[in-house]
C-alpha atoms as a PDB file:
ATOM      1  CA  MET A   1     -12.809   8.864  34.698  1.00  0.00           C
ATOM      2  CA  THR A   2     -13.014   8.812  30.945  1.00  0.00           C
ATOM      3  CA  LYS A   3      -9.510   7.036  30.904  1.00  0.00           C
ATOM      4  CA  ARG A   4     -10.847   4.602  33.216  1.00  0.00           C
ATOM      5  CA  LEU A   5     -13.647   3.880  31.186  1.00  0.00           C
ATOM      6  CA  ASN A   6     -11.477   3.399  28.297  1.00  0.00           C
ATOM      7  CA  ILE A   7      -9.035   0.841  29.996  1.00  0.00           C
ATOM      8  CA  ALA A   8     -12.292  -0.906  31.084  1.00  0.00           C
ATOM      9  CA  HIS A   9     -13.603  -1.161  27.578  1.00  0.00           C
ATOM     10  CA  SER A  10     -10.509  -2.175  26.205  1.00  0.00           C
ATOM     11  CA  ILE A  11     -10.281  -4.957  28.637  1.00  0.00           C
ATOM     12  CA  SER A  12     -13.685  -6.114  28.205  1.00  0.00           C
ATOM     13  CA  VAL A  13     -12.987  -6.353  24.397  1.00  0.00           C
ATOM     14  CA  PHE A  14      -9.569  -7.766  24.568  1.00  0.00           C
ATOM     15  CA  GLY A  15      -9.286  -9.750  27.556  1.00  0.00           C
ATOM     16  CA  PHE A  16     -11.061 -12.655  26.798  1.00  0.00           C
ATOM     17  CA  PRO A  17      -9.235 -13.170  23.109  1.00  0.00           C
ATOM     18  CA  VAL A  18      -6.041 -12.844  24.664  1.00  0.00           C
ATOM     19  CA  LEU A  19      -6.901 -15.184  27.769  1.00  0.00           C
ATOM     20  CA  ILE A  20      -7.767 -17.906  25.209  1.00  0.00           C
ATOM     21  CA  ILE A  21      -4.842 -17.135  23.229  1.00  0.00           C
ATOM     22  CA  THR A  22      -2.431 -17.355  26.172  1.00  0.00           C
ATOM     23  CA  LEU A  23      -4.277 -20.835  27.273  1.00  0.00           C
ATOM     24  CA  MET A  24      -3.737 -22.287  23.644  1.00  0.00           C
ATOM     25  CA  ILE A  25      -0.237 -21.523  23.691  1.00  0.00           C
ATOM     26  CA  ALA A  26       0.375 -23.094  27.208  1.00  0.00           C
ATOM     27  CA  ILE A  27      -1.227 -26.253  26.043  1.00  0.00           C
ATOM     28  CA  ALA A  28       0.468 -26.725  22.768  1.00  0.00           C
ATOM     29  CA  LYS A  29       3.746 -26.240  25.082  1.00  0.00           C
ATOM     30  CA  SER A  30       2.638 -28.657  27.771  1.00  0.00           C
ATOM     31  CA  LYS A  31       3.006 -32.476  28.652  1.00  0.00           C
ATOM     32  CA  LEU A  32      -0.412 -32.954  27.648  1.00  0.00           C
ATOM     33  CA  PHE A  33      -0.143 -31.979  24.209  1.00  0.00           C
ATOM     34  CA  GLU A  34       3.298 -34.313  23.835  1.00  0.00           C
ATOM     35  CA  LEU A  35       1.126 -37.167  24.558  1.00  0.00           C
ATOM     36  CA  ASN A  36      -1.785 -36.572  22.264  1.00  0.00           C
ATOM     37  CA  PRO A  37      -0.345 -34.136  19.695  1.00  0.00           C
ATOM     38  CA  GLU A  38      -2.810 -35.489  16.849  1.00  0.00           C
ATOM     39  CA  VAL A  39      -6.157 -34.455  18.453  1.00  0.00           C
ATOM     40  CA  LEU A  40      -5.022 -31.406  20.589  1.00  0.00           C
ATOM     41  CA  SER A  41      -3.433 -29.718  17.501  1.00  0.00           C
ATOM     42  CA  ILE A  42      -6.478 -29.578  15.452  1.00  0.00           C
ATOM     43  CA  GLY A  43      -8.470 -28.414  18.949  1.00  0.00           C
ATOM     44  CA  VAL A  44      -5.574 -25.560  19.544  1.00  0.00           C
ATOM     45  CA  THR A  45      -5.839 -24.829  15.478  1.00  0.00           C
ATOM     46  CA  ALA A  46      -9.555 -24.562  15.808  1.00  0.00           C
ATOM     47  CA  ASP A  47      -9.639 -22.355  18.772  1.00  0.00           C
ATOM     48  CA  LEU A  48      -6.988 -20.065  17.587  1.00  0.00           C
ATOM     49  CA  LEU A  49      -8.301 -19.634  14.143  1.00  0.00           C
ATOM     50  CA  PHE A  50     -12.068 -19.526  14.743  1.00  0.00           C
ATOM     51  CA  THR A  51     -12.946 -19.491  18.530  1.00  0.00           C
ATOM     52  CA  VAL A  52     -11.034 -16.522  19.104  1.00  0.00           C
ATOM     53  CA  PRO A  53     -12.294 -14.325  16.202  1.00  0.00           C
ATOM     54  CA  PHE A  54     -15.934 -15.606  16.979  1.00  0.00           C
ATOM     55  CA  ILE A  55     -15.609 -14.441  20.777  1.00  0.00           C
ATOM     56  CA  TYR A  56     -14.020 -11.385  19.623  1.00  0.00           C
ATOM     57  CA  PHE A  57     -17.028 -10.743  17.188  1.00  0.00           C
ATOM     58  CA  LEU A  58     -19.836 -11.264  19.921  1.00  0.00           C
ATOM     59  CA  LEU A  59     -17.487  -8.901  22.278  1.00  0.00           C
ATOM     60  CA  ILE A  60     -17.643  -5.794  19.343  1.00  0.00           C
ATOM     61  CA  ARG A  61     -21.111  -6.800  17.508  1.00  0.00           C
ATOM     62  CA  LYS A  62     -22.746  -3.770  19.448  1.00  0.00           C
ATOM     63  CA  LYS A  63     -19.518  -1.481  19.512  1.00  0.00           C
ATOM     64  CA  ASN A  64     -18.234   1.200  17.174  1.00  0.00           C
ATOM     65  CA  ILE A  65     -15.249  -0.810  16.176  1.00  0.00           C
ATOM     66  CA  PRO A  66     -14.788  -2.083  12.473  1.00  0.00           C
ATOM     67  CA  LYS A  67     -16.123  -5.732  12.157  1.00  0.00           C
ATOM     68  CA  ILE A  68     -13.174  -6.391   9.495  1.00  0.00           C
ATOM     69  CA  THR A  69     -10.712  -6.067  12.452  1.00  0.00           C
ATOM     70  CA  ILE A  70     -12.006  -9.865  13.137  1.00  0.00           C
ATOM     71  CA  LEU A  71      -9.530 -10.552  10.259  1.00  0.00           C
ATOM     72  CA  SER A  72      -6.561  -9.312  12.318  1.00  0.00           C
ATOM     73  CA  LEU A  73      -7.211 -11.934  14.896  1.00  0.00           C
ATOM     74  CA  PHE A  74      -7.730 -14.630  12.214  1.00  0.00           C
ATOM     75  CA  ILE A  75      -4.339 -13.782  10.856  1.00  0.00           C
ATOM     76  CA  LEU A  76      -2.661 -13.481  13.896  1.00  0.00           C
ATOM     77  CA  GLY A  77      -4.056 -16.918  14.722  1.00  0.00           C
ATOM     78  CA  ILE A  78      -2.415 -18.615  11.776  1.00  0.00           C
ATOM     79  CA  VAL A  79       1.143 -16.868  12.748  1.00  0.00           C
ATOM     80  CA  ILE A  80       0.781 -18.153  16.262  1.00  0.00           C
ATOM     81  CA  THR A  81      -0.328 -21.626  15.070  1.00  0.00           C
ATOM     82  CA  THR A  82       2.504 -21.884  12.718  1.00  0.00           C
ATOM     83  CA  PHE A  83       4.935 -21.281  15.634  1.00  0.00           C
ATOM     84  CA  ILE A  84       3.758 -23.318  18.305  1.00  0.00           C
ATOM     85  CA  ILE A  85       2.083 -26.479  16.646  1.00  0.00           C
ATOM     86  CA  PRO A  86       5.069 -28.759  15.459  1.00  0.00           C
ATOM     87  CA  LYS A  87       5.298 -28.981  11.504  1.00  0.00           C
ATOM     88  CA  GLU A  88       4.402 -32.872  11.696  1.00  0.00           C
ATOM     89  CA  ASN A  89       1.115 -31.717  13.348  1.00  0.00           C
ATOM     90  CA  GLN A  90      -0.074 -28.971  11.039  1.00  0.00           C
ATOM     91  CA  LEU A  91      -2.001 -30.841   8.603  1.00  0.00           C
ATOM     92  CA  PHE A  92      -5.096 -29.132   9.575  1.00  0.00           C
ATOM     93  CA  LEU A  93      -3.657 -25.737   9.770  1.00  0.00           C
ATOM     94  CA  ASN A  94      -2.306 -26.592   6.039  1.00  0.00           C
ATOM     95  CA  GLN A  95      -5.570 -27.384   4.756  1.00  0.00           C
ATOM     96  CA  ILE A  96      -7.104 -23.798   6.033  1.00  0.00           C
ATOM     97  CA  LYS A  97      -4.127 -22.082   4.462  1.00  0.00           C
ATOM     98  CA  THR A  98      -4.623 -23.998   1.251  1.00  0.00           C
ATOM     99  CA  TRP A  99      -8.437 -23.943   0.799  1.00  0.00           C
ATOM    100  CA  PHE A 100      -9.763 -21.228   3.073  1.00  0.00           C
ATOM    101  CA  LEU A 101      -7.226 -18.693   2.935  1.00  0.00           C
ATOM    102  CA  PRO A 102      -7.452 -17.866  -1.015  1.00  0.00           C
ATOM    103  CA  PHE A 103     -11.276 -17.295  -0.573  1.00  0.00           C
ATOM    104  CA  LEU A 104     -10.831 -15.031   2.575  1.00  0.00           C
ATOM    105  CA  GLU A 105      -8.098 -13.038   0.510  1.00  0.00           C
ATOM    106  CA  ILE A 106     -10.586 -12.623  -2.367  1.00  0.00           C
ATOM    107  CA  GLY A 107     -13.271 -11.598   0.012  1.00  0.00           C
ATOM    108  CA  VAL A 108     -11.177  -8.987   1.782  1.00  0.00           C
ATOM    109  CA  PHE A 109      -9.900  -7.683  -1.637  1.00  0.00           C
ATOM    110  CA  THR A 110     -13.578  -7.524  -2.987  1.00  0.00           C
ATOM    111  CA  PHE A 111     -14.682  -5.673   0.456  1.00  0.00           C
ATOM    112  CA  ILE A 112     -11.824  -3.106   0.138  1.00  0.00           C
ATOM    113  CA  LEU A 113     -12.704  -2.186  -3.620  1.00  0.00           C
ATOM    114  CA  PHE A 114     -16.218  -1.768  -2.574  1.00  0.00           C
ATOM    115  CA  ARG A 115     -15.558   0.474   0.346  1.00  0.00           C
ATOM    116  CA  VAL A 116     -13.202   2.626  -2.032  1.00  0.00           C
ATOM    117  CA  ARG A 117     -15.652   2.805  -4.596  1.00  0.00           C
ATOM    118  CA  LYS A 118     -18.332   3.803  -2.356  1.00  0.00           C
ATOM    119  CA  VAL A 119     -16.248   6.613  -0.902  1.00  0.00           C
ATOM    120  CA  LEU A 120     -15.067   7.805  -4.286  1.00  0.00           C
ATOM    121  CA  LYS A 121     -18.629   7.800  -5.414  1.00  0.00           C
ATOM    122  CA  SER A 122     -19.355  10.358  -2.285  1.00  0.00           C
ATOM    123  CA  TYR A 123     -16.251  12.313  -3.231  1.00  0.00           C
ATOM    124  CA  SER A 124     -17.646  12.767  -6.869  1.00  0.00           C
ATOM    125  CA  ALA A 125     -21.370  13.615  -5.469  1.00  0.00           C
ATOM    126  CA  ASN A 126     -19.675  16.180  -3.350  1.00  0.00           C
ATOM    127  CA  LYS A 127     -17.074  17.454  -5.932  1.00  0.00           C
ATOM    128  CA  ASN A 128     -14.469  16.829  -3.347  1.00  0.00           C
ATOM    129  CA  GLU A 129     -10.943  17.706  -4.638  1.00  0.00           C
ATOM    130  CA  ASN A 130      -9.630  14.644  -2.975  1.00  0.00           C
ATOM    131  CA  ASN A 131     -11.058  12.228  -5.659  1.00  0.00           C
ATOM    132  CA  ASP A 132      -8.095  10.033  -5.860  1.00  0.00           C
ATOM    133  CA  PHE A 133      -8.158   6.053  -5.719  1.00  0.00           C
ATOM    134  CA  PHE A 134      -4.925   5.540  -4.574  1.00  0.00           C
ATOM    135  CA  SER A 135      -5.303   7.994  -1.457  1.00  0.00           C
ATOM    136  CA  THR A 136      -8.697   6.953  -0.694  1.00  0.00           C
ATOM    137  CA  LEU A 137      -7.544   2.902  -0.857  1.00  0.00           C
ATOM    138  CA  LYS A 138      -4.736   3.915   1.534  1.00  0.00           C
ATOM    139  CA  VAL A 139      -7.110   5.442   4.004  1.00  0.00           C
ATOM    140  CA  THR A 140      -9.739   2.630   3.567  1.00  0.00           C
ATOM    141  CA  CYS A 141      -7.084   0.031   4.313  1.00  0.00           C
ATOM    142  CA  GLU A 142      -5.575   1.697   7.440  1.00  0.00           C
ATOM    143  CA  GLU A 143      -9.219   2.095   8.915  1.00  0.00           C
ATOM    144  CA  ILE A 144      -9.548  -1.560   8.735  1.00  0.00           C
ATOM    145  CA  LEU A 145      -6.310  -3.417   9.005  1.00  0.00           C
ATOM    146  CA  PRO A 146      -3.122  -2.893  10.953  1.00  0.00           C
ATOM    147  CA  LYS A 147      -0.574  -0.203   9.519  1.00  0.00           C
ATOM    148  CA  LYS A 148       1.843  -2.472   8.215  1.00  0.00           C
ATOM    149  CA  ILE A 149      -0.582  -5.007   6.545  1.00  0.00           C
ATOM    150  CA  ALA A 150      -2.569  -1.916   5.402  1.00  0.00           C
ATOM    151  CA  ILE A 151       0.613  -0.556   3.490  1.00  0.00           C
ATOM    152  CA  LEU A 152       1.366  -4.083   1.733  1.00  0.00           C
ATOM    153  CA  LEU A 153      -2.095  -4.271   0.732  1.00  0.00           C
ATOM    154  CA  THR A 154      -2.699  -1.013  -0.706  1.00  0.00           C
ATOM    155  CA  MET A 155       0.376  -1.353  -2.781  1.00  0.00           C
ATOM    156  CA  GLU A 156      -0.954  -4.748  -4.206  1.00  0.00           C
ATOM    157  CA  ILE A 157      -4.558  -3.655  -5.036  1.00  0.00           C
ATOM    158  CA  ALA A 158      -3.058  -0.211  -6.466  1.00  0.00           C
ATOM    159  CA  VAL A 159      -0.850  -2.222  -8.823  1.00  0.00           C
ATOM    160  CA  PHE A 160      -3.650  -4.612  -9.763  1.00  0.00           C
ATOM    161  CA  TYR A 161      -6.064  -1.748 -10.093  1.00  0.00           C
ATOM    162  CA  TYR A 162      -4.051   0.535 -12.357  1.00  0.00           C
ATOM    163  CA  GLY A 163      -2.562  -2.040 -14.237  1.00  0.00           C
ATOM    164  CA  PHE A 164      -5.627  -4.107 -15.299  1.00  0.00           C
ATOM    165  CA  ILE A 165      -8.851  -2.595 -14.051  1.00  0.00           C
ATOM    166  CA  SER A 166      -8.565   1.082 -14.654  1.00  0.00           C
ATOM    167  CA  TRP A 167      -8.470   1.788 -18.361  1.00  0.00           C
ATOM    168  CA  LYS A 168     -10.573   4.929 -18.793  1.00  0.00           C
ATOM    169  CA  LYS A 169      -8.472   7.850 -19.962  1.00  0.00           C
ATOM    170  CA  THR A 170      -8.128  10.605 -17.478  1.00  0.00           C
ATOM    171  CA  GLU A 171      -9.099  14.035 -18.358  1.00  0.00           C
ATOM    172  CA  LEU A 172      -7.191  16.562 -16.734  1.00  0.00           C
ATOM    173  CA  HIS A 173      -8.848  19.541 -15.096  1.00  0.00           C
ATOM    174  CA  SER A 174      -7.568  23.222 -15.316  1.00  0.00           C
ATOM    175  CA  ASN A 175      -5.726  22.443 -11.868  1.00  0.00           C
ATOM    176  CA  GLU A 176      -3.878  19.260 -13.129  1.00  0.00           C
ATOM    177  CA  PHE A 177      -0.899  18.760 -14.923  1.00  0.00           C
ATOM    178  CA  SER A 178       0.774  15.650 -16.557  1.00  0.00           C
ATOM    179  CA  TYR A 179       4.583  14.553 -16.010  1.00  0.00           C
ATOM    180  CA  TYR A 180       5.630  11.884 -18.078  1.00  0.00           C
ATOM    181  CA  LYS A 181       4.778  12.708 -21.775  1.00  0.00           C
ATOM    182  CA  ASN A 182       8.371  14.574 -22.353  1.00  0.00           C
ATOM    183  CA  SER A 183      10.296  12.826 -19.658  1.00  0.00           C
ATOM    184  CA  GLY A 184      11.091   9.589 -21.307  1.00  0.00           C
ATOM    185  CA  THR A 185      10.279   7.729 -18.172  1.00  0.00           C
ATOM    186  CA  ILE A 186       7.283   5.761 -20.074  1.00  0.00           C
ATOM    187  CA  SER A 187       9.821   4.601 -22.752  1.00  0.00           C
ATOM    188  CA  LEU A 188      12.301   3.668 -19.969  1.00  0.00           C
ATOM    189  CA  LEU A 189       9.590   1.704 -18.244  1.00  0.00           C
ATOM    190  CA  MET A 190       8.237  -0.158 -21.274  1.00  0.00           C
ATOM    191  CA  ALA A 191      11.923  -0.736 -22.078  1.00  0.00           C
ATOM    192  CA  LEU A 192      12.471  -2.485 -18.580  1.00  0.00           C
ATOM    193  CA  ILE A 193       9.154  -4.613 -18.974  1.00  0.00           C
ATOM    194  CA  ALA A 194      10.447  -5.858 -22.347  1.00  0.00           C
ATOM    195  CA  ILE A 195      14.013  -6.576 -20.907  1.00  0.00           C
ATOM    196  CA  ILE A 196      12.299  -8.407 -18.334  1.00  0.00           C
ATOM    197  CA  VAL A 197      10.113 -10.621 -20.623  1.00  0.00           C
ATOM    198  CA  ILE A 198      13.323 -11.446 -22.601  1.00  0.00           C
ATOM    199  CA  GLU A 199      15.533 -12.200 -19.560  1.00  0.00           C
ATOM    200  CA  THR A 200      12.724 -14.228 -18.283  1.00  0.00           C
ATOM    201  CA  TYR A 201      12.422 -16.540 -21.284  1.00  0.00           C
ATOM    202  CA  VAL A 202      16.099 -17.118 -21.635  1.00  0.00           C
ATOM    203  CA  LEU A 203      16.456 -17.989 -17.712  1.00  0.00           C
ATOM    204  CA  HIS A 204      13.588 -20.225 -17.923  1.00  0.00           C
ATOM    205  CA  ILE A 205      15.078 -22.250 -20.564  1.00  0.00           C
ATOM    206  CA  LEU A 206      18.631 -22.217 -19.002  1.00  0.00           C
ATOM    207  CA  LEU A 207      17.325 -23.068 -15.426  1.00  0.00           C
ATOM    208  CA  GLY A 208      14.897 -25.685 -16.971  1.00  0.00           C
ATOM    209  CA  LYS A 209      17.898 -27.731 -17.854  1.00  0.00           C
ATOM    210  CA  TRP A 210      19.028 -27.781 -14.178  1.00  0.00           C
ATOM    211  CA  SER A 211      15.778 -27.602 -12.262  1.00  0.00           C
ATOM    212  CA  ALA A 212      12.227 -27.191 -13.558  1.00  0.00           C
ATOM    213  CA  VAL A 213      11.072 -26.105 -10.085  1.00  0.00           C
ATOM    214  CA  ALA A 214      13.837 -23.308  -9.849  1.00  0.00           C
ATOM    215  CA  ALA A 215      12.710 -22.132 -13.659  1.00  0.00           C
ATOM    216  CA  TRP A 216       9.248 -21.688 -12.737  1.00  0.00           C
ATOM    217  CA  ILE A 217      10.290 -19.963  -9.440  1.00  0.00           C
ATOM    218  CA  VAL A 218      12.217 -17.469 -11.321  1.00  0.00           C
ATOM    219  CA  THR A 219       9.841 -17.070 -13.879  1.00  0.00           C
ATOM    220  CA  GLY A 220       6.952 -16.288 -11.472  1.00  0.00           C
ATOM    221  CA  LEU A 221       9.025 -13.728  -9.827  1.00  0.00           C
ATOM    222  CA  SER A 222      10.032 -12.211 -13.063  1.00  0.00           C
ATOM    223  CA  ILE A 223       6.286 -12.211 -14.192  1.00  0.00           C
ATOM    224  CA  TYR A 224       5.415 -10.445 -10.698  1.00  0.00           C
ATOM    225  CA  SER A 225       8.190  -7.858 -11.110  1.00  0.00           C
ATOM    226  CA  GLY A 226       6.751  -7.072 -14.704  1.00  0.00           C
ATOM    227  CA  ILE A 227       2.988  -6.736 -13.617  1.00  0.00           C
ATOM    228  CA  GLN A 228       4.610  -4.212 -10.816  1.00  0.00           C
ATOM    229  CA  ILE A 229       6.232  -2.094 -13.239  1.00  0.00           C
ATOM    230  CA  PHE A 230       3.228  -2.221 -15.436  1.00  0.00           C
ATOM    231  CA  GLY A 231       1.121  -1.162 -12.510  1.00  0.00           C
ATOM    232  CA  PHE A 232       3.625   1.574 -11.724  1.00  0.00           C
ATOM    233  CA  LEU A 233       3.569   2.640 -15.426  1.00  0.00           C
ATOM    234  CA  LYS A 234      -0.333   3.124 -15.730  1.00  0.00           C
ATOM    235  CA  SER A 235      -0.524   4.746 -12.404  1.00  0.00           C
ATOM    236  CA  MET A 236       1.386   7.787 -13.759  1.00  0.00           C
ATOM    237  CA  PHE A 237      -1.573   8.463 -16.341  1.00  0.00           C
ATOM    238  CA  LYS A 238      -3.832   8.167 -13.870  1.00  0.00           C
ATOM    239  CA  ARG A 239      -2.378  10.301 -10.926  1.00  0.00           C
ATOM    240  CA  PRO A 240      -1.584  13.897 -12.020  1.00  0.00           C
ATOM    241  CA  PHE A 241       0.112  16.761 -10.149  1.00  0.00           C
ATOM    242  CA  SER A 242      -2.659  19.214  -8.803  1.00  0.00           C
ATOM    243  CA  ILE A 243      -2.880  22.700  -7.518  1.00  0.00           C
ATOM    244  CA  GLU A 244      -5.531  22.611  -4.582  1.00  0.00           C
ATOM    245  CA  THR A 245      -6.981  25.352  -2.394  1.00  0.00           C
ATOM    246  CA  ASN A 246      -4.174  25.384  -0.152  1.00  0.00           C
ATOM    247  CA  THR A 247      -1.890  22.661  -0.991  1.00  0.00           C
ATOM    248  CA  ILE A 248      -0.171  21.302  -4.304  1.00  0.00           C
ATOM    249  CA  HIS A 249      -0.248  17.531  -4.690  1.00  0.00           C
ATOM    250  CA  LEU A 250       2.900  15.892  -6.520  1.00  0.00           C
ATOM    251  CA  ARG A 251       1.922  12.596  -7.252  1.00  0.00           C
ATOM    252  CA  TYR A 252       4.671  10.606  -8.976  1.00  0.00           C
ATOM    253  CA  GLY A 253       2.282   7.511  -9.907  1.00  0.00           C
ATOM    254  CA  ILE A 254       2.153   5.380  -6.748  1.00  0.00           C
ATOM    255  CA  LEU A 255       5.943   5.311  -6.663  1.00  0.00           C
ATOM    256  CA  SER A 256       6.075   8.638  -4.488  1.00  0.00           C
ATOM    257  CA  GLU A 257       4.094  11.745  -3.599  1.00  0.00           C
ATOM    258  CA  ALA A 258       4.575  14.864  -1.721  1.00  0.00           C
ATOM    259  CA  ILE A 259       1.787  17.168  -0.473  1.00  0.00           C
ATOM    260  CA  ILE A 260       2.964  20.737   0.136  1.00  0.00           C
ATOM    261  CA  ASP A 261       1.183  23.563   1.527  1.00  0.00           C
ATOM    262  CA  ILE A 262       1.366  26.593  -0.799  1.00  0.00           C
ATOM    263  CA  ASN A 263       1.911  28.806   2.443  1.00  0.00           C
ATOM    264  CA  ASN A 264       5.354  26.530   2.939  1.00  0.00           C
ATOM    265  CA  ILE A 265       6.528  27.239  -0.347  1.00  0.00           C
ATOM    266  CA  LYS A 266       9.535  29.501  -0.322  1.00  0.00           C
ATOM    267  CA  SER A 267      10.319  29.565  -4.070  1.00  0.00           C
ATOM    268  CA  ILE A 268       9.697  28.120  -7.330  1.00  0.00           C
ATOM    269  CA  LYS A 269      11.797  28.385 -10.285  1.00  0.00           C
ATOM    270  CA  ILE A 270      11.847  26.574 -13.718  1.00  0.00           C
ATOM    271  CA  SER A 271      15.562  24.771 -14.124  1.00  0.00           C
ATOM    272  CA  SER A 272      16.812  21.876 -15.825  1.00  0.00           C
ATOM    273  CA  LYS A 273      20.559  22.670 -14.533  1.00  0.00           C
ATOM    274  CA  PRO A 274      22.265  19.862 -12.785  1.00  0.00           C
ATOM    275  CA  ILE A 275      21.819  19.720  -9.320  1.00  0.00           C
ATOM    276  CA  GLU A 276      23.569  17.660  -6.027  1.00  0.00           C
ATOM    277  CA  PHE A 277      21.369  15.508  -4.333  1.00  0.00           C
ATOM    278  CA  ASN A 278      21.618  15.087  -0.237  1.00  0.00           C
ATOM    279  CA  ASP A 279      19.429  14.746   3.048  1.00  0.00           C
ATOM    280  CA  THR A 280      17.498  18.062   2.196  1.00  0.00           C
ATOM    281  CA  THR A 281      17.707  18.059  -1.632  1.00  0.00           C
ATOM    282  CA  ARG A 282      15.517  15.429  -3.474  1.00  0.00           C
ATOM    283  CA  LYS A 283      14.083  14.277  -6.448  1.00  0.00           C
ATOM    284  CA  LEU A 284      10.265  13.507  -6.539  1.00  0.00           C
ATOM    285  CA  SER A 285      11.050  10.519  -9.072  1.00  0.00           C
ATOM    286  CA  PRO A 286      12.630   7.250  -7.349  1.00  0.00           C
ATOM    287  CA  LEU A 287      14.430   6.826 -10.855  1.00  0.00           C
ATOM    288  CA  GLY A 288      16.959   9.579 -10.078  1.00  0.00           C
ATOM    289  CA  GLU A 289      19.291  10.567 -12.619  1.00  0.00           C
ATOM    290  CA  LEU A 290      17.654   8.410 -15.119  1.00  0.00           C
ATOM    291  CA  GLU A 291      14.935  11.008 -15.553  1.00  0.00           C
ATOM    292  CA  SER A 292      15.244  14.936 -15.962  1.00  0.00           C
ATOM    293  CA  HIS A 293      13.950  17.764 -14.036  1.00  0.00           C
ATOM    294  CA  ASN A 294      12.889  21.172 -15.151  1.00  0.00           C
ATOM    295  CA  MET A 295      11.341  22.279 -11.964  1.00  0.00           C
ATOM    296  CA  VAL A 296      12.729  23.373  -8.246  1.00  0.00           C
ATOM    297  CA  ILE A 297      10.456  23.936  -5.309  1.00  0.00           C
ATOM    298  CA  ASN A 298      12.097  25.215  -2.204  1.00  0.00           C
ATOM    299  CA  VAL A 299      10.116  25.208   1.182  1.00  0.00           C
ATOM    300  CA  LYS A 300      10.322  27.080   4.364  1.00  0.00           C
ATOM    301  CA  LYS A 301      10.002  24.163   6.689  1.00  0.00           C
ATOM    302  CA  GLU A 302      10.982  20.508   6.024  1.00  0.00           C
ATOM    303  CA  ASN A 303       8.744  18.460   4.163  1.00  0.00           C
ATOM    304  CA  SER A 304       8.239  14.740   3.226  1.00  0.00           C
ATOM    305  CA  ILE A 305       8.108  12.678   0.171  1.00  0.00           C
ATOM    306  CA  ILE A 306       6.230   9.578   0.621  1.00  0.00           C
ATOM    307  CA  GLY A 307       7.643   6.648  -1.222  1.00  0.00           C
ATOM    308  CA  LEU A 308       6.791   2.799  -1.904  1.00  0.00           C
ATOM    309  CA  TYR A 309       5.361   1.257   1.446  1.00  0.00           C
ATOM    310  CA  GLY A 310       4.987   4.343   2.966  1.00  0.00           C
ATOM    311  CA  ILE A 311       8.757   4.867   3.263  1.00  0.00           C
ATOM    312  CA  LYS A 312       9.408   8.815   4.049  1.00  0.00           C
ATOM    313  CA  ARG A 313      12.185  11.061   3.041  1.00  0.00           C
ATOM    314  CA  LYS A 314      12.693  14.523   4.291  1.00  0.00           C
ATOM    315  CA  PHE A 315      13.383  17.510   2.000  1.00  0.00           C
ATOM    316  CA  LYS A 316      13.818  21.243   1.887  1.00  0.00           C
ATOM    317  CA  THR A 317      14.400  21.448  -1.904  1.00  0.00           C
ATOM    318  CA  LEU A 318      12.299  19.278  -4.283  1.00  0.00           C
ATOM    319  CA  VAL A 319      13.018  18.709  -8.240  1.00  0.00           C
ATOM    320  CA  PHE A 320      10.740  17.210 -10.536  1.00  0.00           C
ATOM    321  CA  TYR A 321       9.572  17.265 -14.246  1.00  0.00           C
ATOM    322  CA  ILE A 322       6.265  18.538 -15.455  1.00  0.00           C
ATOM    323  CA  ASP A 323       5.016  18.756 -18.973  1.00  0.00           C
ATOM    324  CA  LYS A 324       3.531  22.171 -18.855  1.00  0.00           C
ATOM    325  CA  LYS A 325       6.095  24.086 -16.774  1.00  0.00           C
ATOM    326  CA  GLU A 326       5.467  27.566 -17.495  1.00  0.00           C
ATOM    327  CA  GLU A 327       1.451  27.235 -16.802  1.00  0.00           C
ATOM    328  CA  PHE A 328       2.130  25.312 -13.866  1.00  0.00           C
ATOM    329  CA  LYS A 329       4.256  28.165 -12.436  1.00  0.00           C
ATOM    330  CA  ALA A 330       2.151  30.635 -13.257  1.00  0.00           C
ATOM    331  CA  GLN A 331      -0.884  29.132 -11.720  1.00  0.00           C
ATOM    332  CA  LEU A 332       1.221  28.246  -8.619  1.00  0.00           C
ATOM    333  CA  ASP A 333       2.706  31.997  -8.688  1.00  0.00           C
ATOM    334  CA  LYS A 334      -1.010  33.074  -8.709  1.00  0.00           C
ATOM    335  CA  LYS A 335      -2.182  30.942  -5.917  1.00  0.00           C
ATOM    336  CA  ILE A 336       0.804  31.817  -3.717  1.00  0.00           C
ATOM    337  CA  SER A 337      -0.100  35.718  -4.207  1.00  0.00           C
ATOM    338  CA  SER A 338      -3.761  35.126  -3.392  1.00  0.00           C
ATOM    339  CA  LEU A 339      -2.972  33.529   0.000  1.00  0.00           C
ATOM    340  CA  GLU A 340      -0.278  36.180   0.955  1.00  0.00           C
END
């Protein structure tokens, strides 16, 4: 009975929008459209981008469905319209992309940051141990957007936030540990940014002699890459390793992270010896051999490293670098003993 009600509920919410979308596609592919493409292209575009989201809003306004999901239908409308309307009749669509879409993106960005800030305040008030901006941002985006879009948006917002908004020094608690002070990673990333700056300048001059457009495209991509690396670098100051009640959080900035259940730890040892990496033995740092390690954790059951854009890699042995290795191991050994 409950299953039938859920099916009926889904049909009532999504049935009309899907029906209108199907009808608009049929019109765009019909002979009628070929006879009057200028007028019908505007009508089809308006219906897909505005009518469908508005009807969806009316259907969900009293239901327990996040209102921001309306945005998903708007984006879907843009994608469908781009494919079904001939390029020569996309003037109205291009105007919306140029003038309306940027304001919508800023609005979504602001809304998500507001939601994240609200959740973080709640965490702080309740002394919640998961008071981490990136983790909260990821959960918030996944609640209101399709998963793939949420992952992309999470990374873009995180890079901007850590790179240009979050400047306050992070004070480490007794259960938190840094991992960048003596590893050489910060110096490596700063050197990489410097190389990008120099190469961008040289390439811009060289390409400018051939094509000004190509020169600025390459320059823009290089600047974007530099901003990404700067955001990655600064996130390492803000996301320390931590030993929680039943888990350890190994956060390598926003580049990668692993959450390990303390009961799943088979052994932990301090070691800087060279190690052969394979499908079950991995390094937390995506920089690989460019960064040293001084800690090795073996787990009983396979665990996962979550990398950039949600890419997961399995491991049974994880190696990483940590600044206060003895203190980390002693605290973790004590925690393991207390849980046995």
